[in-house]
Amino acid sequence: MGKSLAGPRQPYRAPSHSWVFFLMEDFEPAFDLLGDPIPAGLGKRGRPPHNPTQQNRNKIMLLLAQGWTDARIAGAIGITVPTLRKHYFRELRTRDVARDRVESIGLLTLWEQARSGNTAAMKEFFRRHDMAVGPLFDDRVKEASEKLGKKEQREREARTPPSDWESIIPPAVSH
């Protein structure tokens, strides 16, 4: 028999940690059809860990603003209620102000678009503004817009006397 050209056979050596790290630098995470990252252990035994994303956090804020329950939100994201509470507890604590936050973000976006020249955004912003502020000024506008004659004006003034009578009554003359 002839000698091996490759030389003596070397024992197997596992790659060093730096080599494994070098391979991980080129790793790009995969995403499913819905845009969620595919966990590393997919297809293996046990449930894969949930990785919270900013997109899921935003989705939870929107659903809280719509008044959804925890069970319904967890179902929409595809996790269990305990997992929802574990990873998104900060968002769930803001349940009371979620609607205000979402509405304020919407108003801010409308304002920025209106300032950049978007007339549709400008109209929508002022429509929402008038709906929110309008009731505060309705009474003032009604009083200012009513045209009263001299008699009606005197009758109204007689029914609502000024609160500062001392400025109207002349000082007493002493003899």
Protein backbone atom coordinates (compact mmCIF):
# COMPACT_ATOMS: atom_id res chain seq x y z
CA MET A 1 0.00 0.00 0.00
CA GLY A 2 1.08 3.48 -0.72
CA LYS A 3 1.50 6.39 1.60
CA SER A 4 -1.20 9.07 1.86
CA LEU A 5 -0.36 12.24 -0.02
CA ALA A 6 -2.20 14.40 2.55
CA GLY A 7 0.14 13.45 5.33
CA PRO A 8 -0.75 12.26 8.78
CA ARG A 9 -4.38 12.78 9.80
CA GLN A 10 -4.92 15.63 12.31
CA PRO A 11 -7.51 15.34 15.12
CA TYR A 12 -10.70 17.46 14.78
CA ARG A 13 -10.46 20.93 16.32
CA ALA A 14 -13.54 23.02 17.02
CA PRO A 15 -13.38 26.55 15.62
CA SER A 16 -12.32 29.24 18.04
CA HIS A 17 -14.84 31.75 19.42
CA SER A 18 -13.47 34.51 17.23
CA TRP A 19 -14.21 32.41 14.14
CA VAL A 20 -17.81 31.85 15.28
CA PHE A 21 -18.19 35.57 16.01
CA PHE A 22 -16.92 36.35 12.52
CA LEU A 23 -19.63 34.13 11.07
CA MET A 24 -22.31 35.86 13.18
CA GLU A 25 -21.39 39.29 11.78
CA ASP A 26 -22.64 38.22 8.36
CA PHE A 27 -25.91 36.85 9.80
CA GLU A 28 -29.02 38.76 8.77
CA PRO A 29 -32.23 37.99 10.65
CA ALA A 30 -35.05 36.49 8.62
CA PHE A 31 -38.59 37.87 8.70
CA ASP A 32 -41.91 36.12 8.15
CA LEU A 33 -44.66 37.32 5.78
CA LEU A 34 -46.05 39.73 8.41
CA GLY A 35 -42.68 41.38 8.96
CA ASP A 36 -42.02 39.84 12.38
CA PRO A 37 -38.52 38.44 12.99
CA ILE A 38 -38.26 34.65 12.81
CA PRO A 39 -36.81 33.38 16.11
CA ALA A 40 -33.55 31.44 15.97
CA GLY A 41 -35.05 28.23 17.41
CA LEU A 42 -38.01 27.97 15.06
CA GLY A 43 -38.88 24.34 14.38
CA LYS A 44 -37.20 23.07 17.52
CA ARG A 45 -38.97 21.74 20.57
CA GLY A 46 -40.75 24.18 22.85
CA ARG A 47 -42.21 27.57 22.22
CA PRO A 48 -39.81 30.12 20.71
CA PRO A 49 -39.13 33.22 22.81
CA HIS A 50 -41.05 36.39 21.98
CA ASN A 51 -38.96 39.32 20.79
CA PRO A 52 -40.79 42.64 21.36
CA THR A 53 -40.47 45.09 18.49
CA GLN A 54 -41.19 48.81 18.23
CA GLN A 55 -43.83 48.03 15.63
CA ASN A 56 -45.65 45.80 18.14
CA ARG A 57 -45.35 48.50 20.81
CA ASN A 58 -46.96 51.04 18.47
CA LYS A 59 -49.65 48.53 17.52
CA ILE A 60 -50.46 47.97 21.21
CA MET A 61 -50.76 51.72 21.84
CA LEU A 62 -53.19 52.05 18.92
CA LEU A 63 -55.27 49.10 20.08
CA LEU A 64 -55.36 50.40 23.67
CA ALA A 65 -56.57 53.74 22.32
CA GLN A 66 -59.42 51.87 20.61
CA GLY A 67 -60.40 50.30 23.95
CA TRP A 68 -59.34 46.71 23.21
CA THR A 69 -58.91 44.23 26.08
CA ASP A 70 -55.61 42.51 26.89
CA ALA A 71 -56.86 39.18 25.52
CA ARG A 72 -57.90 40.75 22.23
CA ILE A 73 -54.58 42.60 21.86
CA ALA A 74 -52.60 39.43 22.63
CA GLY A 75 -54.59 37.56 19.99
CA ALA A 76 -53.94 40.28 17.41
CA ILE A 77 -50.19 40.10 18.00
CA GLY A 78 -50.13 36.29 18.23
CA ILE A 79 -48.96 35.89 21.83
CA THR A 80 -50.54 34.87 25.12
CA VAL A 81 -51.85 37.33 27.69
CA PRO A 82 -49.03 36.56 30.20
CA THR A 83 -46.45 37.17 27.45
CA LEU A 84 -48.18 40.44 26.59
CA ARG A 85 -48.04 41.54 30.23
CA LYS A 86 -44.42 40.45 30.56
CA HIS A 87 -43.00 42.26 27.52
CA TYR A 88 -45.38 45.20 27.13
CA PHE A 89 -46.19 46.18 30.72
CA ARG A 90 -45.14 49.82 30.15
CA GLU A 91 -47.58 50.20 27.29
CA LEU A 92 -50.38 48.50 29.24
CA ARG A 93 -49.88 50.89 32.17
CA THR A 94 -50.72 53.81 29.87
CA ARG A 95 -54.17 52.43 29.05
CA ASP A 96 -55.91 55.51 30.48
CA VAL A 97 -53.95 58.03 28.40
CA ALA A 98 -53.38 55.93 25.26
CA ARG A 99 -56.22 57.62 23.37
CA ASP A 100 -54.88 61.07 24.26
CA ARG A 101 -51.36 60.12 23.17
CA VAL A 102 -52.50 58.69 19.84
CA GLU A 103 -54.71 61.71 19.18
CA SER A 104 -51.90 64.12 20.05
CA ILE A 105 -49.53 62.32 17.67
CA GLY A 106 -52.17 62.59 14.95
CA LEU A 107 -52.68 66.30 15.60
CA LEU A 108 -48.94 66.91 15.58
CA THR A 109 -48.62 65.10 12.26
CA LEU A 110 -51.48 67.14 10.80
CA TRP A 111 -49.88 70.35 12.06
CA GLU A 112 -46.50 69.50 10.52
CA GLN A 113 -48.12 68.62 7.19
CA ALA A 114 -50.20 71.81 7.27
CA ARG A 115 -47.08 73.90 7.93
CA SER A 116 -45.38 72.28 4.95
CA GLY A 117 -48.24 73.44 2.70
CA ASN A 118 -50.67 70.51 2.66
CA THR A 119 -54.06 72.26 2.45
CA ALA A 120 -56.07 69.09 3.16
CA ALA A 121 -54.11 68.61 6.39
CA MET A 122 -54.67 72.27 7.25
CA LYS A 123 -58.44 71.94 6.81
CA GLU A 124 -58.56 68.76 8.88
CA PHE A 125 -56.44 70.30 11.64
CA PHE A 126 -58.70 73.35 11.93
CA ARG A 127 -61.83 71.18 11.76
CA ARG A 128 -60.56 69.18 14.74
CA HIS A 129 -59.45 72.35 16.49
CA ASP A 130 -62.86 73.95 16.07
CA MET A 131 -64.58 70.81 17.38
CA ALA A 132 -62.40 70.82 20.50
CA VAL A 133 -62.38 74.56 21.23
CA GLY A 134 -65.70 75.60 19.70
CA PRO A 135 -67.96 74.98 22.72
CA LEU A 136 -65.77 77.20 24.87
CA PHE A 137 -66.49 80.25 22.72
CA ASP A 138 -70.08 79.55 21.60
CA ASP A 139 -71.63 81.81 24.26
CA ARG A 140 -69.28 84.68 23.50
CA VAL A 141 -69.91 84.44 19.78
CA LYS A 142 -73.68 84.34 20.24
CA GLU A 143 -73.64 87.49 22.40
CA ALA A 144 -71.38 89.33 20.00
CA SER A 145 -73.32 88.33 16.91
CA GLU A 146 -76.75 89.38 18.21
CA LYS A 147 -77.73 92.81 16.94
CA LEU A 148 -79.83 94.53 19.57
CA GLY A 149 -81.76 97.72 19.31
CA LYS A 150 -81.47 100.51 21.91
CA LYS A 151 -84.43 99.29 23.99
CA GLU A 152 -83.25 95.65 24.00
CA GLN A 153 -79.73 96.74 24.95
CA ARG A 154 -81.05 98.81 27.92
CA GLU A 155 -83.25 95.93 29.08
CA ARG A 156 -80.31 93.50 28.97
CA GLU A 157 -78.11 95.94 30.91
CA ALA A 158 -80.91 96.41 33.49
CA ARG A 159 -81.21 92.61 33.97
CA THR A 160 -77.45 92.14 34.39
CA PRO A 161 -76.11 95.01 36.48
CA PRO A 162 -72.35 95.41 36.74
CA SER A 163 -70.65 93.72 39.69
CA ASP A 164 -68.63 96.82 40.58
CA TRP A 165 -71.35 99.29 41.73
CA GLU A 166 -68.96 101.52 43.64
CA SER A 167 -67.33 102.73 40.45
CA ILE A 168 -70.72 103.77 39.03
CA ILE A 169 -72.25 105.52 42.09
CA PRO A 170 -70.89 109.03 42.54
CA PRO A 171 -69.24 109.78 45.89
CA ALA A 172 -71.45 111.34 48.56
CA VAL A 173 -71.14 115.11 48.91
CA SER A 174 -70.66 116.28 52.51
CA HIS A 175 -72.08 119.70 53.67
